[in-house]
Amino acid sequence: MFLCLLWSNLRQRQLADYILM
């Protein structure tokens, strides 16, 4: 559960960085 949440947060941040670029 915790790992899933962490992965989701990391993925969301990566997606945000991609959009910003």
PDB file of N, CA and C in Angstrom:
ATOM      1  N   MET A   1       0.837  -1.207   0.000  1.00  0.00           N
ATOM      2  CA  MET A   1       0.000   0.000   0.000  1.00  0.00           C
ATOM      3  C   MET A   1       0.878   1.265   0.000  1.00  0.00           C
ATOM      4  N   PHE A   2       1.851   1.280   0.950  1.00  0.00           N
ATOM      5  CA  PHE A   2       2.745   2.442   1.032  1.00  0.00           C
ATOM      6  C   PHE A   2       3.583   2.577  -0.244  1.00  0.00           C
ATOM      7  N   LEU A   3       4.060   1.424  -0.728  1.00  0.00           N
ATOM      8  CA  LEU A   3       4.880   1.423  -1.936  1.00  0.00           C
ATOM      9  C   LEU A   3       4.065   1.929  -3.129  1.00  0.00           C
ATOM     10  N   CYS A   4       2.815   1.515  -3.189  1.00  0.00           N
ATOM     11  CA  CYS A   4       1.934   1.933  -4.274  1.00  0.00           C
ATOM     12  C   CYS A   4       1.747   3.453  -4.240  1.00  0.00           C
ATOM     13  N   LEU A   5       1.556   3.984  -3.049  1.00  0.00           N
ATOM     14  CA  LEU A   5       1.361   5.427  -2.886  1.00  0.00           C
ATOM     15  C   LEU A   5       2.626   6.176  -3.292  1.00  0.00           C
ATOM     16  N   LEU A   6       3.767   5.659  -2.865  1.00  0.00           N
ATOM     17  CA  LEU A   6       5.045   6.276  -3.197  1.00  0.00           C
ATOM     18  C   LEU A   6       5.264   6.257  -4.711  1.00  0.00           C
ATOM     19  N   TRP A   7       4.954   5.127  -5.338  1.00  0.00           N
ATOM     20  CA  TRP A   7       5.119   4.989  -6.786  1.00  0.00           C
ATOM     21  C   TRP A   7       4.195   5.964  -7.507  1.00  0.00           C
ATOM     22  N   SER A   8       2.972   6.112  -7.001  1.00  0.00           N
ATOM     23  CA  SER A   8       2.005   7.027  -7.606  1.00  0.00           C
ATOM     24  C   SER A   8       2.506   8.470  -7.512  1.00  0.00           C
ATOM     25  N   ASN A   9       3.060   8.829  -6.351  1.00  0.00           N
ATOM     26  CA  ASN A   9       3.578  10.181  -6.153  1.00  0.00           C
ATOM     27  C   ASN A   9       4.756  10.445  -7.083  1.00  0.00           C
ATOM     28  N   LEU A  10       5.657   9.467  -7.182  1.00  0.00           N
ATOM     29  CA  LEU A  10       6.826   9.612  -8.043  1.00  0.00           C
ATOM     30  C   LEU A  10       6.393   9.741  -9.503  1.00  0.00           C
ATOM     31  N   ARG A  11       5.452   8.921  -9.898  1.00  0.00           N
ATOM     32  CA  ARG A  11       4.960   8.945 -11.273  1.00  0.00           C
ATOM     33  C   ARG A  11       4.279  10.285 -11.571  1.00  0.00           C
ATOM     34  N   GLN A  12       3.504  10.776 -10.610  1.00  0.00           N
ATOM     35  CA  GLN A  12       2.808  12.040 -10.783  1.00  0.00           C
ATOM     36  C   GLN A  12       3.817  13.184 -10.947  1.00  0.00           C
ATOM     37  N   ARG A  13       4.877  13.149 -10.147  1.00  0.00           N
ATOM     38  CA  ARG A  13       5.904  14.186 -10.221  1.00  0.00           C
ATOM     39  C   ARG A  13       6.631  14.132 -11.565  1.00  0.00           C
ATOM     40  N   GLN A  14       6.908  12.912 -12.026  1.00  0.00           N
ATOM     41  CA  GLN A  14       7.591  12.749 -13.301  1.00  0.00           C
ATOM     42  C   GLN A  14       6.714  13.292 -14.429  1.00  0.00           C
ATOM     43  N   LEU A  15       5.428  13.027 -14.339  1.00  0.00           N
ATOM     44  CA  LEU A  15       4.484  13.498 -15.345  1.00  0.00           C
ATOM     45  C   LEU A  15       4.433  15.023 -15.329  1.00  0.00           C
ATOM     46  N   ALA A  16       4.432  15.611 -14.134  1.00  0.00           N
ATOM     47  CA  ALA A  16       4.400  17.065 -14.001  1.00  0.00           C
ATOM     48  C   ALA A  16       5.657  17.682 -14.617  1.00  0.00           C
ATOM     49  N   ASP A  17       6.805  17.071 -14.367  1.00  0.00           N
ATOM     50  CA  ASP A  17       8.066  17.568 -14.933  1.00  0.00           C
ATOM     51  C   ASP A  17       8.011  17.507 -16.456  1.00  0.00           C
ATOM     52  N   TYR A  18       7.444  16.442 -16.983  1.00  0.00           N
ATOM     53  CA  TYR A  18       7.339  16.268 -18.437  1.00  0.00           C
ATOM     54  C   TYR A  18       6.448  17.356 -19.040  1.00  0.00           C
ATOM     55  N   ILE A  19       5.342  17.667 -18.350  1.00  0.00           N
ATOM     56  CA  ILE A  19       4.413  18.694 -18.818  1.00  0.00           C
ATOM     57  C   ILE A  19       5.071  20.073 -18.762  1.00  0.00           C
ATOM     58  N   LEU A  20       5.838  20.307 -17.668  1.00  0.00           N
ATOM     59  CA  LEU A  20       6.506  21.603 -17.513  1.00  0.00           C
ATOM     60  C   LEU A  20       7.530  21.817 -18.627  1.00  0.00           C
ATOM     61  N   MET A  21       8.235  20.757 -19.021  1.00  0.00           N
ATOM     62  CA  MET A  21       9.223  20.864 -20.087  1.00  0.00           C
ATOM     63  C   MET A  21       8.521  21.058 -21.417  1.00  0.00           C
TER      64      MET A  21
END
